[in-house]
Amino acid sequence: MFVTLAKKMDYIESGIEGISLCNLWDNGTGGGTSIVCLSADAYFPKHAHLGWEQAYVLSGEVKLGDVTVKTGDYLFAGIGDIHDARAITDSKLLVFTEKGIDILDEG
């Protein structure tokens, strides 16, 4: 069993302005479980998924391609799916990934 207590969670800058994350678990294949925080108007560039991704919106509103997800919404992206993301409001997502991603543009 593996437990991360909230008071021990460390958020790090992602290297993309306005986006930080807390890596909760690394699965050893470039994926794992993270909490991703996006400031309003933060942009995550268009990217392709090397494995599946699941995300649950804990708070806020994020535009993913042509779709806007809000608190309580769920996203599944399969292998090869391509999208970008722009936070409409300050947002927090719980993200589970199988593998990494390939960034296709720098926004």
N, C-alpha and C. Protein backbone atom coordinates (compact mmCIF):
# COMPACT_ATOMS: atom_id res chain seq x y z
N MET A 1 0.85 -1.17 0.00
CA MET A 1 0.00 0.00 0.00
C MET A 1 0.90 1.24 0.00
N PHE A 2 0.44 2.27 -0.70
CA PHE A 2 1.18 3.53 -0.80
C PHE A 2 0.23 4.67 -0.49
N VAL A 3 0.60 5.53 0.44
CA VAL A 3 -0.26 6.65 0.86
C VAL A 3 0.55 7.94 0.79
N THR A 4 -0.05 8.98 0.23
CA THR A 4 0.54 10.31 0.25
C THR A 4 -0.42 11.21 1.02
N LEU A 5 0.01 11.70 2.15
CA LEU A 5 -0.82 12.58 2.96
C LEU A 5 -0.84 13.97 2.35
N ALA A 6 -1.99 14.63 2.40
CA ALA A 6 -2.15 15.96 1.79
C ALA A 6 -1.08 16.93 2.29
N LYS A 7 -0.75 16.88 3.56
CA LYS A 7 0.23 17.82 4.10
C LYS A 7 1.65 17.56 3.60
N LYS A 8 1.87 16.41 2.96
CA LYS A 8 3.20 16.06 2.44
C LYS A 8 3.29 16.22 0.92
N MET A 9 2.21 16.65 0.27
CA MET A 9 2.21 16.78 -1.19
C MET A 9 3.01 18.00 -1.61
N ASP A 10 3.93 17.79 -2.55
CA ASP A 10 4.75 18.87 -3.08
C ASP A 10 4.33 19.16 -4.51
N TYR A 11 4.04 20.42 -4.79
CA TYR A 11 3.71 20.86 -6.14
C TYR A 11 4.95 21.47 -6.77
N ILE A 12 5.23 21.07 -8.01
CA ILE A 12 6.40 21.59 -8.72
C ILE A 12 5.93 22.28 -10.00
N GLU A 13 6.72 23.22 -10.47
CA GLU A 13 6.42 23.88 -11.74
C GLU A 13 6.66 22.89 -12.86
N SER A 14 5.80 22.92 -13.86
CA SER A 14 5.88 21.96 -14.97
C SER A 14 6.86 22.39 -16.06
N GLY A 15 7.26 23.66 -16.02
CA GLY A 15 8.06 24.19 -17.12
C GLY A 15 7.20 24.94 -18.12
N ILE A 16 5.88 24.88 -17.92
CA ILE A 16 4.93 25.62 -18.74
C ILE A 16 4.27 26.65 -17.83
N GLU A 17 4.31 27.90 -18.24
CA GLU A 17 3.81 28.99 -17.40
C GLU A 17 2.37 28.74 -16.94
N GLY A 18 2.15 28.86 -15.62
CA GLY A 18 0.82 28.74 -15.06
C GLY A 18 0.37 27.31 -14.78
N ILE A 19 1.28 26.34 -14.97
CA ILE A 19 0.91 24.93 -14.74
C ILE A 19 1.90 24.31 -13.75
N SER A 20 1.36 23.78 -12.65
CA SER A 20 2.17 23.05 -11.67
C SER A 20 1.51 21.70 -11.43
N LEU A 21 2.28 20.79 -10.84
CA LEU A 21 1.73 19.46 -10.61
C LEU A 21 2.32 18.83 -9.37
N CYS A 22 1.57 17.90 -8.86
CA CYS A 22 2.00 17.07 -7.75
C CYS A 22 1.97 15.63 -8.24
N ASN A 23 3.15 15.04 -8.38
CA ASN A 23 3.23 13.65 -8.82
C ASN A 23 2.95 12.74 -7.63
N LEU A 24 1.84 12.03 -7.70
CA LEU A 24 1.45 11.16 -6.60
C LEU A 24 2.05 9.76 -6.74
N TRP A 25 2.16 9.28 -8.00
CA TRP A 25 2.66 7.93 -8.23
C TRP A 25 3.24 7.85 -9.63
N ASP A 26 4.40 7.21 -9.76
CA ASP A 26 5.06 7.00 -11.05
C ASP A 26 4.95 5.52 -11.38
N ASN A 27 4.35 5.20 -12.54
CA ASN A 27 4.15 3.79 -12.88
C ASN A 27 5.35 3.14 -13.56
N GLY A 28 6.42 3.92 -13.80
CA GLY A 28 7.63 3.36 -14.38
C GLY A 28 7.63 3.30 -15.90
N THR A 29 6.55 3.75 -16.55
CA THR A 29 6.49 3.73 -18.02
C THR A 29 6.21 5.13 -18.58
N GLY A 30 6.55 6.16 -17.79
CA GLY A 30 6.31 7.53 -18.23
C GLY A 30 4.95 8.05 -17.84
N GLY A 31 4.19 7.26 -17.13
CA GLY A 31 2.86 7.67 -16.69
C GLY A 31 2.74 7.58 -15.19
N GLY A 32 1.52 7.70 -14.72
CA GLY A 32 1.27 7.62 -13.30
C GLY A 32 0.05 8.44 -12.92
N THR A 33 0.05 8.92 -11.69
CA THR A 33 -1.07 9.69 -11.16
C THR A 33 -0.55 11.03 -10.67
N SER A 34 -1.22 12.11 -11.08
CA SER A 34 -0.82 13.46 -10.71
C SER A 34 -2.03 14.33 -10.45
N ILE A 35 -1.82 15.37 -9.66
CA ILE A 35 -2.77 16.47 -9.57
C ILE A 35 -2.15 17.61 -10.36
N VAL A 36 -2.88 18.12 -11.33
CA VAL A 36 -2.38 19.19 -12.20
C VAL A 36 -3.18 20.45 -11.91
N CYS A 37 -2.46 21.54 -11.60
CA CYS A 37 -3.07 22.85 -11.33
C CYS A 37 -2.76 23.78 -12.48
N LEU A 38 -3.80 24.42 -13.01
CA LEU A 38 -3.65 25.37 -14.10
C LEU A 38 -4.21 26.72 -13.66
N SER A 39 -3.43 27.77 -13.83
CA SER A 39 -3.93 29.11 -13.58
C SER A 39 -4.81 29.51 -14.75
N ALA A 40 -5.75 30.41 -14.50
CA ALA A 40 -6.63 30.90 -15.57
C ALA A 40 -5.77 31.36 -16.75
N ASP A 41 -6.15 30.92 -17.94
CA ASP A 41 -5.51 31.22 -19.22
C ASP A 41 -4.20 30.47 -19.47
N ALA A 42 -3.80 29.58 -18.57
CA ALA A 42 -2.61 28.76 -18.82
C ALA A 42 -2.89 27.86 -20.02
N TYR A 43 -1.87 27.65 -20.84
CA TYR A 43 -2.03 26.87 -22.08
C TYR A 43 -1.06 25.69 -22.08
N PHE A 44 -1.61 24.49 -22.24
CA PHE A 44 -0.79 23.29 -22.43
C PHE A 44 -0.84 22.96 -23.91
N PRO A 45 0.33 22.94 -24.58
CA PRO A 45 0.37 22.81 -26.04
C PRO A 45 -0.24 21.51 -26.57
N LYS A 46 -0.56 21.55 -27.86
CA LYS A 46 -1.08 20.37 -28.55
C LYS A 46 -0.08 19.22 -28.37
N HIS A 47 -0.62 18.05 -28.01
CA HIS A 47 0.23 16.89 -27.76
C HIS A 47 -0.49 15.60 -28.15
N ALA A 48 0.31 14.58 -28.43
CA ALA A 48 -0.22 13.25 -28.77
C ALA A 48 0.04 12.31 -27.60
N HIS A 49 -0.92 11.47 -27.33
CA HIS A 49 -0.81 10.52 -26.22
C HIS A 49 -0.16 9.22 -26.69
N LEU A 50 0.88 8.80 -25.95
CA LEU A 50 1.57 7.53 -26.25
C LEU A 50 0.87 6.36 -25.57
N GLY A 51 -0.01 6.66 -24.66
CA GLY A 51 -0.84 5.68 -23.95
C GLY A 51 -2.12 6.40 -23.54
N TRP A 52 -3.00 5.71 -22.85
CA TRP A 52 -4.27 6.34 -22.46
C TRP A 52 -4.04 7.38 -21.36
N GLU A 53 -5.00 8.28 -21.25
CA GLU A 53 -5.04 9.27 -20.18
C GLU A 53 -6.47 9.38 -19.68
N GLN A 54 -6.63 9.45 -18.38
CA GLN A 54 -7.93 9.72 -17.77
C GLN A 54 -7.76 10.93 -16.87
N ALA A 55 -8.72 11.83 -16.91
CA ALA A 55 -8.65 13.01 -16.06
C ALA A 55 -10.03 13.31 -15.49
N TYR A 56 -10.04 13.70 -14.24
CA TYR A 56 -11.26 14.11 -13.55
C TYR A 56 -11.05 15.55 -13.10
N VAL A 57 -11.97 16.43 -13.43
CA VAL A 57 -11.84 17.84 -13.08
C VAL A 57 -12.30 18.04 -11.64
N LEU A 58 -11.34 18.33 -10.77
CA LEU A 58 -11.64 18.56 -9.36
C LEU A 58 -12.26 19.94 -9.15
N SER A 59 -11.76 20.93 -9.92
CA SER A 59 -12.31 22.28 -9.83
C SER A 59 -11.93 23.05 -11.09
N GLY A 60 -12.76 24.03 -11.42
CA GLY A 60 -12.46 24.91 -12.53
C GLY A 60 -13.09 24.53 -13.84
N GLU A 61 -12.53 25.11 -14.92
CA GLU A 61 -13.06 24.96 -16.26
C GLU A 61 -11.89 25.01 -17.25
N VAL A 62 -11.79 23.98 -18.11
CA VAL A 62 -10.69 23.86 -19.05
C VAL A 62 -11.23 23.53 -20.43
N LYS A 63 -10.72 24.21 -21.45
CA LYS A 63 -11.10 23.92 -22.83
C LYS A 63 -10.08 22.95 -23.41
N LEU A 64 -10.56 21.80 -23.85
CA LEU A 64 -9.74 20.75 -24.46
C LEU A 64 -10.15 20.64 -25.92
N GLY A 65 -9.37 21.23 -26.81
CA GLY A 65 -9.78 21.27 -28.20
C GLY A 65 -11.07 22.06 -28.32
N ASP A 66 -12.13 21.41 -28.81
CA ASP A 66 -13.42 22.08 -28.98
C ASP A 66 -14.39 21.83 -27.82
N VAL A 67 -13.94 21.11 -26.80
CA VAL A 67 -14.81 20.73 -25.69
C VAL A 67 -14.37 21.44 -24.42
N THR A 68 -15.33 21.94 -23.65
CA THR A 68 -15.03 22.55 -22.36
C THR A 68 -15.48 21.61 -21.25
N VAL A 69 -14.55 21.30 -20.34
CA VAL A 69 -14.88 20.45 -19.19
C VAL A 69 -14.87 21.32 -17.94
N LYS A 70 -15.76 20.95 -16.99
CA LYS A 70 -15.93 21.71 -15.76
C LYS A 70 -15.87 20.76 -14.57
N THR A 71 -15.88 21.34 -13.38
CA THR A 71 -15.86 20.56 -12.15
C THR A 71 -16.81 19.36 -12.23
N GLY A 72 -16.26 18.18 -11.95
CA GLY A 72 -17.06 16.96 -11.98
C GLY A 72 -17.02 16.21 -13.30
N ASP A 73 -16.49 16.83 -14.35
CA ASP A 73 -16.43 16.16 -15.66
C ASP A 73 -15.22 15.23 -15.74
N TYR A 74 -15.30 14.27 -16.66
CA TYR A 74 -14.29 13.23 -16.84
C TYR A 74 -13.84 13.21 -18.29
N LEU A 75 -12.55 12.95 -18.49
CA LEU A 75 -11.97 12.87 -19.84
C LEU A 75 -11.22 11.56 -19.98
N PHE A 76 -11.39 10.90 -21.13
CA PHE A 76 -10.54 9.76 -21.50
C PHE A 76 -9.94 10.07 -22.85
N ALA A 77 -8.61 10.00 -22.95
CA ALA A 77 -7.91 10.14 -24.23
C ALA A 77 -7.19 8.83 -24.49
N GLY A 78 -7.35 8.29 -25.69
CA GLY A 78 -6.71 7.03 -26.04
C GLY A 78 -5.35 7.23 -26.70
N ILE A 79 -4.68 6.14 -26.96
CA ILE A 79 -3.39 6.17 -27.64
C ILE A 79 -3.54 6.90 -28.97
N GLY A 80 -2.67 7.88 -29.21
CA GLY A 80 -2.68 8.63 -30.46
C GLY A 80 -3.62 9.82 -30.47
N ASP A 81 -4.50 9.95 -29.47
CA ASP A 81 -5.37 11.12 -29.42
C ASP A 81 -4.53 12.38 -29.28
N ILE A 82 -4.97 13.45 -29.94
CA ILE A 82 -4.25 14.72 -29.95
C ILE A 82 -5.19 15.82 -29.46
N HIS A 83 -4.70 16.65 -28.55
CA HIS A 83 -5.47 17.81 -28.10
C HIS A 83 -4.54 18.80 -27.41
N ASP A 84 -5.03 20.00 -27.20
CA ASP A 84 -4.35 20.97 -26.36
C ASP A 84 -5.28 21.26 -25.20
N ALA A 85 -4.88 22.17 -24.32
CA ALA A 85 -5.72 22.52 -23.18
C ALA A 85 -5.46 23.97 -22.78
N ARG A 86 -6.54 24.71 -22.53
CA ARG A 86 -6.41 26.07 -22.02
C ARG A 86 -7.37 26.23 -20.84
N ALA A 87 -6.82 26.64 -19.71
CA ALA A 87 -7.65 26.86 -18.53
C ALA A 87 -8.46 28.14 -18.71
N ILE A 88 -9.75 28.04 -18.52
CA ILE A 88 -10.63 29.20 -18.58
C ILE A 88 -10.64 29.89 -17.21
N THR A 89 -10.61 29.08 -16.16
CA THR A 89 -10.52 29.59 -14.79
C THR A 89 -9.38 28.83 -14.10
N ASP A 90 -8.99 29.27 -12.91
CA ASP A 90 -8.05 28.46 -12.13
C ASP A 90 -8.66 27.07 -12.00
N SER A 91 -7.87 26.04 -12.27
CA SER A 91 -8.42 24.68 -12.35
C SER A 91 -7.47 23.68 -11.72
N LYS A 92 -8.06 22.57 -11.28
CA LYS A 92 -7.29 21.47 -10.71
C LYS A 92 -7.86 20.16 -11.23
N LEU A 93 -6.98 19.29 -11.77
CA LEU A 93 -7.40 18.01 -12.34
C LEU A 93 -6.64 16.87 -11.70
N LEU A 94 -7.30 15.75 -11.49
CA LEU A 94 -6.66 14.52 -11.08
C LEU A 94 -6.45 13.72 -12.36
N VAL A 95 -5.18 13.43 -12.68
CA VAL A 95 -4.84 12.84 -13.98
C VAL A 95 -4.14 11.50 -13.79
N PHE A 96 -4.59 10.49 -14.54
CA PHE A 96 -3.99 9.16 -14.55
C PHE A 96 -3.49 8.91 -15.98
N THR A 97 -2.23 8.56 -16.14
CA THR A 97 -1.69 8.30 -17.48
C THR A 97 -0.97 6.97 -17.53
N GLU A 98 -1.07 6.33 -18.69
CA GLU A 98 -0.38 5.06 -18.91
C GLU A 98 1.07 5.29 -19.29
N LYS A 99 1.31 6.25 -20.20
CA LYS A 99 2.64 6.55 -20.70
C LYS A 99 2.76 8.06 -20.87
N GLY A 100 3.83 8.51 -21.49
CA GLY A 100 4.06 9.93 -21.66
C GLY A 100 3.30 10.50 -22.86
N ILE A 101 3.74 11.69 -23.28
CA ILE A 101 3.13 12.39 -24.41
C ILE A 101 4.23 12.93 -25.31
N ASP A 102 3.88 13.26 -26.55
CA ASP A 102 4.75 13.98 -27.46
C ASP A 102 4.14 15.37 -27.68
N ILE A 103 4.88 16.41 -27.30
CA ILE A 103 4.44 17.79 -27.54
C ILE A 103 4.58 18.05 -29.03
N LEU A 104 3.49 18.52 -29.67
CA LEU A 104 3.49 18.75 -31.12
C LEU A 104 3.71 20.19 -31.49
N ASP A 105 3.42 21.11 -30.59
CA ASP A 105 3.71 22.53 -30.83
C ASP A 105 3.99 23.19 -29.49
N GLU A 106 4.57 24.33 -29.52
CA GLU A 106 4.91 25.04 -28.29
C GLU A 106 3.90 26.12 -27.96
N GLY A 107 2.77 26.15 -28.69
CA GLY A 107 1.71 27.08 -28.38
C GLY A 107 2.01 28.45 -28.86
